Amino acid sequence: METMLIVGGGYLGRRVAERLRREARPVVLTAARESSTRALRELGYAARRLDLDAATAFVPPDGPYRLLYLVPPPRQGGEDPRLPRLLAYLETNPPQRIVYAGSSAVYGDREGAWVDETAEVSPQSETGARRLHAENSLTRWCSRHEVSSVVLRLAGIYGPQRLPLERLRNARPVVRESEAGWSNRIHVDDLALACIAALQHGAPQSLYNIADGRPASTTAFLRAVARRAGLAMPPELPLSEALALASPAQARFVLESRRLDVSRMRNDLLPKLLFPDFHVGLDSISEF
């Protein structure tokens, strides 16, 4: 049975690993810090340290394996040096498939239009540029090595321990609902299932949008979280005032508006979601 190598054993990686473990799949996780590596081992996982910002060697698993890559790019610059560094380690034993968890930020602002996987990419932020660089690096490498690759362009992730509660407690203002753009999200457990399906699918397509298919504004999401948590509603400002208070990065995020078409995901990877919208997802969380 092929080993599943998960590079990035954090919030999402552990959820994917737990589901694979239930299927009796051999799993290896990596973490950048020794303390995180030990924590994974204490949970019973085969774990190895891999710091993609350091010049340390990494030897891929013996025998056939598939790889799920979950490490984000650095926070600065227009390129992602981490993924190419990992790919160099895999030259001696390439995987059967690489699934890359990327970002829908590569689409840039679409003024609220629906976007499917055939749309041209047009990143308007450094985050989007770094993600597109990683996608292109992966595609070129996999083509040279005849490795199957799948790129997942993710929406915003939410779930237990991944909610904007501190932002709400600090009463940070939001754009008033009438002027707020569209944004997209996916519950972490549905995302884990999509990652596993992309790893295991017999003949997947090379690119998928991953979201719940029910876009809404960030303002609507924050208001729903506040209601569920029993917190005060965030103060709302006109768009012009919100932009004046925002950093350049925050302003770009506020101005990007798109709705992700997930028909391809539903056809191939995830016909039925556990949490079809964020209202259902928030009602399932017990941490409030």
Protein backbone atom coordinates (compact mmCIF):
# COMPACT_ATOMS: atom_id res chain seq x y z
CA MET A 1 0.00 0.00 0.00
CA GLU A 2 1.31 3.45 -0.93
CA THR A 3 2.50 5.69 1.88
CA MET A 4 0.79 9.07 2.21
CA LEU A 5 3.39 11.77 2.93
CA ILE A 6 1.84 14.94 4.36
CA VAL A 7 4.27 17.86 4.27
CA GLY A 8 2.89 20.23 6.88
CA GLY A 9 1.49 18.44 9.92
CA GLY A 10 -0.46 21.38 11.31
CA TYR A 11 -4.16 22.23 11.58
CA LEU A 12 -5.26 20.66 8.30
CA GLY A 13 -2.50 18.04 8.06
CA ARG A 14 -3.49 16.39 11.31
CA ARG A 15 -7.12 16.15 10.25
CA VAL A 16 -6.16 14.53 6.97
CA ALA A 17 -3.80 12.15 8.77
CA GLU A 18 -6.45 11.10 11.28
CA ARG A 19 -8.89 10.18 8.52
CA LEU A 20 -6.22 8.25 6.64
CA ARG A 21 -5.28 6.43 9.84
CA ARG A 22 -8.88 5.29 10.21
CA GLU A 23 -8.54 3.71 6.76
CA ALA A 24 -5.34 1.94 7.92
CA ARG A 25 -3.29 3.91 5.41
CA PRO A 26 0.41 4.33 6.16
CA VAL A 27 0.99 8.02 6.86
CA VAL A 28 4.12 10.11 7.41
CA LEU A 29 3.81 13.72 8.57
CA THR A 30 6.44 16.46 8.63
CA ALA A 31 6.83 19.53 10.81
CA ALA A 32 9.29 22.42 10.71
CA ARG A 33 10.05 22.50 14.45
CA GLU A 34 11.37 19.70 16.62
CA SER A 35 8.72 20.38 19.26
CA SER A 36 5.96 19.95 16.66
CA THR A 37 7.58 16.78 15.38
CA ARG A 38 7.63 15.33 18.91
CA ALA A 39 3.99 16.29 19.41
CA LEU A 40 3.01 14.39 16.27
CA ARG A 41 4.94 11.33 17.45
CA GLU A 42 3.19 11.50 20.82
CA LEU A 43 -0.09 11.28 18.92
CA GLY A 44 1.13 8.05 17.37
CA TYR A 45 2.13 9.33 13.94
CA ALA A 46 5.30 8.62 12.02
CA ALA A 47 6.74 12.13 11.93
CA ARG A 48 9.90 13.66 10.54
CA ARG A 49 11.33 17.11 10.85
CA LEU A 50 11.48 19.15 7.64
CA ASP A 51 12.33 22.86 7.79
CA LEU A 52 12.02 24.23 4.26
CA ASP A 53 13.69 27.49 5.29
CA ALA A 54 16.89 25.73 6.28
CA ALA A 55 19.51 23.86 4.28
CA THR A 56 18.71 20.46 5.81
CA ALA A 57 18.50 17.19 3.89
CA PHE A 58 15.27 15.25 3.50
CA VAL A 59 14.97 11.74 2.11
CA PRO A 60 11.56 10.73 0.75
CA PRO A 61 9.94 7.46 1.83
CA ASP A 62 11.15 4.18 0.38
CA GLY A 63 8.77 2.61 -2.08
CA PRO A 64 5.72 4.17 -3.73
CA TYR A 65 4.08 7.15 -2.04
CA ARG A 66 1.75 10.07 -2.63
CA LEU A 67 2.36 13.56 -1.29
CA LEU A 68 0.03 16.21 0.09
CA TYR A 69 1.78 19.59 0.33
CA LEU A 70 0.30 21.99 2.90
CA VAL A 71 3.16 24.40 3.66
CA PRO A 72 2.32 28.05 2.86
CA PRO A 73 4.86 30.32 1.17
CA PRO A 74 6.83 32.85 3.24
CA ARG A 75 5.00 36.08 4.08
CA GLN A 76 7.26 38.26 1.93
CA GLY A 77 8.26 38.35 -1.73
CA GLY A 78 6.66 37.39 -5.02
CA GLU A 79 7.90 33.79 -5.13
CA ASP A 80 7.72 30.64 -3.01
CA PRO A 81 11.19 29.16 -2.40
CA ARG A 82 9.87 26.40 -0.12
CA LEU A 83 8.10 24.16 -2.61
CA PRO A 84 11.01 24.10 -5.11
CA ARG A 85 13.32 23.22 -2.22
CA LEU A 86 11.15 20.23 -1.33
CA LEU A 87 10.92 19.11 -4.96
CA ALA A 88 14.72 19.01 -5.15
CA TYR A 89 14.70 16.50 -2.27
CA LEU A 90 12.32 14.24 -4.22
CA GLU A 91 14.50 13.83 -7.32
CA THR A 92 15.80 10.40 -6.27
CA ASN A 93 12.34 8.95 -5.63
CA PRO A 94 9.47 11.05 -7.00
CA PRO A 95 5.98 10.37 -5.65
CA GLN A 96 3.16 8.87 -7.67
CA ARG A 97 1.14 12.07 -7.20
CA ILE A 98 1.50 15.48 -5.57
CA VAL A 99 -1.56 17.36 -4.31
CA TYR A 100 -0.83 21.04 -3.66
CA ALA A 101 -3.14 22.98 -1.33
CA GLY A 102 -2.94 26.44 -2.87
CA SER A 103 -5.16 29.51 -2.81
CA SER A 104 -7.96 31.08 -4.81
CA ALA A 105 -6.08 34.37 -4.37
CA VAL A 106 -4.46 33.60 -7.75
CA TYR A 107 -7.71 34.77 -9.42
CA GLY A 108 -7.50 38.29 -8.00
CA ASP A 109 -10.54 40.57 -7.95
CA ARG A 110 -13.42 39.51 -10.21
CA GLU A 111 -15.93 42.13 -9.03
CA GLY A 112 -18.18 39.45 -7.58
CA ALA A 113 -18.33 37.28 -10.71
CA TRP A 114 -18.43 33.49 -10.54
CA VAL A 115 -15.03 31.95 -11.27
CA ASP A 116 -14.37 28.39 -12.44
CA GLU A 117 -11.08 26.63 -13.14
CA THR A 118 -10.95 27.80 -16.76
CA ALA A 119 -10.65 31.46 -15.72
CA GLU A 120 -7.40 33.31 -16.35
CA VAL A 121 -5.32 33.91 -13.24
CA SER A 122 -4.61 37.51 -12.27
CA PRO A 123 -3.18 37.77 -8.76
CA GLN A 124 -3.29 41.29 -7.36
CA SER A 125 -1.50 40.61 -4.09
CA GLU A 126 1.88 39.23 -3.13
CA THR A 127 0.06 36.30 -1.53
CA GLY A 128 -1.57 35.45 -4.84
CA ALA A 129 1.72 35.91 -6.72
CA ARG A 130 3.56 33.56 -4.38
CA ARG A 131 0.83 30.96 -4.74
CA LEU A 132 0.89 31.18 -8.52
CA HIS A 133 4.68 30.81 -8.53
CA ALA A 134 4.31 27.63 -6.46
CA GLU A 135 1.65 26.25 -8.82
CA ASN A 136 3.88 26.86 -11.83
CA SER A 137 6.95 25.38 -10.12
CA LEU A 138 4.98 22.24 -9.30
CA THR A 139 3.49 21.86 -12.78
CA ARG A 140 6.88 22.15 -14.49
CA TRP A 141 8.58 19.71 -12.10
CA CYS A 142 5.80 17.12 -12.35
CA SER A 143 5.81 17.34 -16.13
CA ARG A 144 9.56 16.67 -16.25
CA HIS A 145 9.28 13.72 -13.87
CA GLU A 146 6.00 12.29 -15.23
CA VAL A 147 4.30 12.72 -11.86
CA SER A 148 0.55 13.25 -11.54
CA SER A 149 -0.23 16.63 -9.96
CA VAL A 150 -3.41 18.17 -8.58
CA VAL A 151 -3.71 21.82 -7.54
CA LEU A 152 -6.45 22.75 -5.07
CA ARG A 153 -7.32 26.45 -5.05
CA LEU A 154 -8.72 26.86 -1.57
CA ALA A 155 -11.23 29.26 -0.11
CA GLY A 156 -10.80 30.57 3.44
CA ILE A 157 -10.66 27.78 6.01
CA TYR A 158 -12.74 27.82 9.17
CA GLY A 159 -13.53 25.25 11.86
CA PRO A 160 -12.79 24.46 15.50
CA GLN A 161 -9.87 26.57 16.77
CA ARG A 162 -9.98 28.52 13.49
CA LEU A 163 -12.51 31.27 14.08
CA PRO A 164 -12.10 35.08 14.24
CA LEU A 165 -13.14 35.32 17.89
CA GLU A 166 -10.29 37.60 18.93
CA ARG A 167 -11.10 40.00 16.11
CA LEU A 168 -14.69 40.17 17.33
CA ARG A 169 -13.66 40.65 20.95
CA ASN A 170 -11.44 43.54 19.87
CA ALA A 171 -14.42 45.11 18.03
CA ARG A 172 -12.48 45.60 14.81
CA PRO A 173 -14.80 47.29 12.29
CA VAL A 174 -15.99 45.64 9.08
CA VAL A 175 -17.31 46.97 5.79
CA ARG A 176 -21.03 47.55 6.00
CA GLU A 177 -22.98 44.71 4.46
CA SER A 178 -24.38 46.72 1.55
CA GLU A 179 -20.84 47.48 0.28
CA ALA A 180 -19.05 44.26 1.26
CA GLY A 181 -17.70 42.04 -1.52
CA TRP A 182 -18.08 38.31 -1.96
CA SER A 183 -15.78 35.83 -0.24
CA ASN A 184 -15.63 32.04 -0.04
CA ARG A 185 -14.91 29.51 2.68
CA ILE A 186 -14.69 25.80 3.45
CA HIS A 187 -14.98 23.86 6.72
CA VAL A 188 -11.71 22.15 7.60
CA ASP A 189 -13.30 18.69 7.74
CA ASP A 190 -14.75 19.02 4.24
CA LEU A 191 -11.36 20.28 3.08
CA ALA A 192 -9.67 17.23 4.59
CA LEU A 193 -12.03 14.97 2.65
CA ALA A 194 -11.32 16.88 -0.56
CA CYS A 195 -7.55 16.50 -0.03
CA ILE A 196 -7.89 12.74 0.48
CA ALA A 197 -10.12 12.40 -2.59
CA ALA A 198 -7.56 14.29 -4.68
CA LEU A 199 -4.81 11.97 -3.43
CA GLN A 200 -6.75 8.80 -4.13
CA HIS A 201 -8.85 9.60 -7.23
CA GLY A 202 -8.05 7.30 -10.13
CA ALA A 203 -7.84 10.01 -12.78
CA PRO A 204 -8.43 13.46 -11.30
CA GLN A 205 -8.30 16.69 -13.20
CA SER A 206 -5.26 18.87 -12.57
CA LEU A 207 -7.07 21.80 -10.93
CA TYR A 208 -10.00 22.27 -8.54
CA ASN A 209 -11.64 25.16 -6.75
CA ILE A 210 -12.35 24.09 -3.16
CA ALA A 211 -15.14 25.89 -1.29
CA ASP A 212 -18.60 25.13 0.02
CA GLY A 213 -20.19 26.81 -2.99
CA ARG A 214 -22.19 29.24 -0.82
CA PRO A 215 -20.24 32.50 -1.01
CA ALA A 216 -21.10 35.37 1.30
CA SER A 217 -19.38 38.50 2.50
CA THR A 218 -16.81 38.48 5.28
CA THR A 219 -19.17 40.81 7.13
CA ALA A 220 -21.97 38.22 7.00
CA PHE A 221 -19.60 35.51 8.23
CA LEU A 222 -18.32 37.63 11.13
CA ARG A 223 -21.86 38.54 12.17
CA ALA A 224 -22.81 34.84 12.16
CA VAL A 225 -19.79 33.95 14.31
CA ALA A 226 -20.66 36.78 16.73
CA ARG A 227 -24.23 35.54 17.09
CA ARG A 228 -23.09 31.96 17.66
CA ALA A 229 -20.47 33.05 20.21
CA GLY A 230 -22.72 35.51 22.05
CA LEU A 231 -20.45 38.43 21.20
CA ALA A 232 -21.31 41.97 20.16
CA MET A 233 -21.83 42.56 16.46
CA PRO A 234 -18.76 44.11 14.83
CA PRO A 235 -19.10 47.82 14.07
CA GLU A 236 -19.76 48.47 10.37
CA LEU A 237 -18.17 51.28 8.37
CA PRO A 238 -18.65 52.59 4.84
CA LEU A 239 -16.17 51.03 2.44
CA SER A 240 -14.20 54.28 2.06
CA GLU A 241 -13.68 54.58 5.84
CA ALA A 242 -12.74 50.90 6.20
CA LEU A 243 -10.12 51.25 3.46
CA ALA A 244 -8.65 54.36 5.10
CA LEU A 245 -8.06 52.36 8.30
CA ALA A 246 -6.71 49.24 6.59
CA SER A 247 -3.11 48.31 5.84
CA PRO A 248 -2.29 47.88 2.12
CA ALA A 249 -2.60 44.09 2.47
CA GLN A 250 -5.92 44.37 4.30
CA ALA A 251 -7.21 46.83 1.70
CA ARG A 252 -6.41 44.42 -1.15
CA PHE A 253 -8.27 41.67 0.67
CA VAL A 254 -11.30 43.90 1.23
CA LEU A 255 -11.39 44.91 -2.44
CA GLU A 256 -11.12 41.39 -3.87
CA SER A 257 -14.57 40.01 -4.59
CA ARG A 258 -15.25 36.69 -6.35
CA ARG A 259 -17.51 33.67 -6.10
CA LEU A 260 -15.94 30.26 -6.62
CA ASP A 261 -17.72 27.79 -8.89
CA VAL A 262 -17.13 24.35 -7.34
CA SER A 263 -18.98 22.19 -9.87
CA ARG A 264 -15.81 20.31 -10.76
CA MET A 265 -15.07 19.57 -7.10
CA ARG A 266 -18.59 18.24 -6.58
CA ASN A 267 -18.42 16.06 -9.68
CA ASP A 268 -15.03 14.48 -8.90
CA LEU A 269 -14.05 14.86 -5.27
CA LEU A 270 -16.82 15.82 -2.88
CA PRO A 271 -20.38 15.23 -4.10
CA LYS A 272 -21.85 15.89 -0.66
CA LEU A 273 -20.38 18.22 1.95
CA LEU A 274 -20.58 17.63 5.67
CA PHE A 275 -21.12 21.37 6.12
CA PRO A 276 -22.87 22.86 3.05
CA ASP A 277 -22.62 26.43 4.37
CA PHE A 278 -21.02 28.28 7.27
CA HIS A 279 -24.25 28.39 9.27
CA VAL A 280 -24.29 24.58 9.45
CA GLY A 281 -20.55 24.55 10.09
CA LEU A 282 -20.73 27.03 12.96
CA ASP A 283 -23.63 25.14 14.58
CA SER A 284 -21.41 22.04 14.73
CA ILE A 285 -18.62 23.77 16.69
CA SER A 286 -18.76 23.41 20.46
CA GLU A 287 -15.93 25.76 21.49
CA PHE A 288 -18.06 28.92 21.81
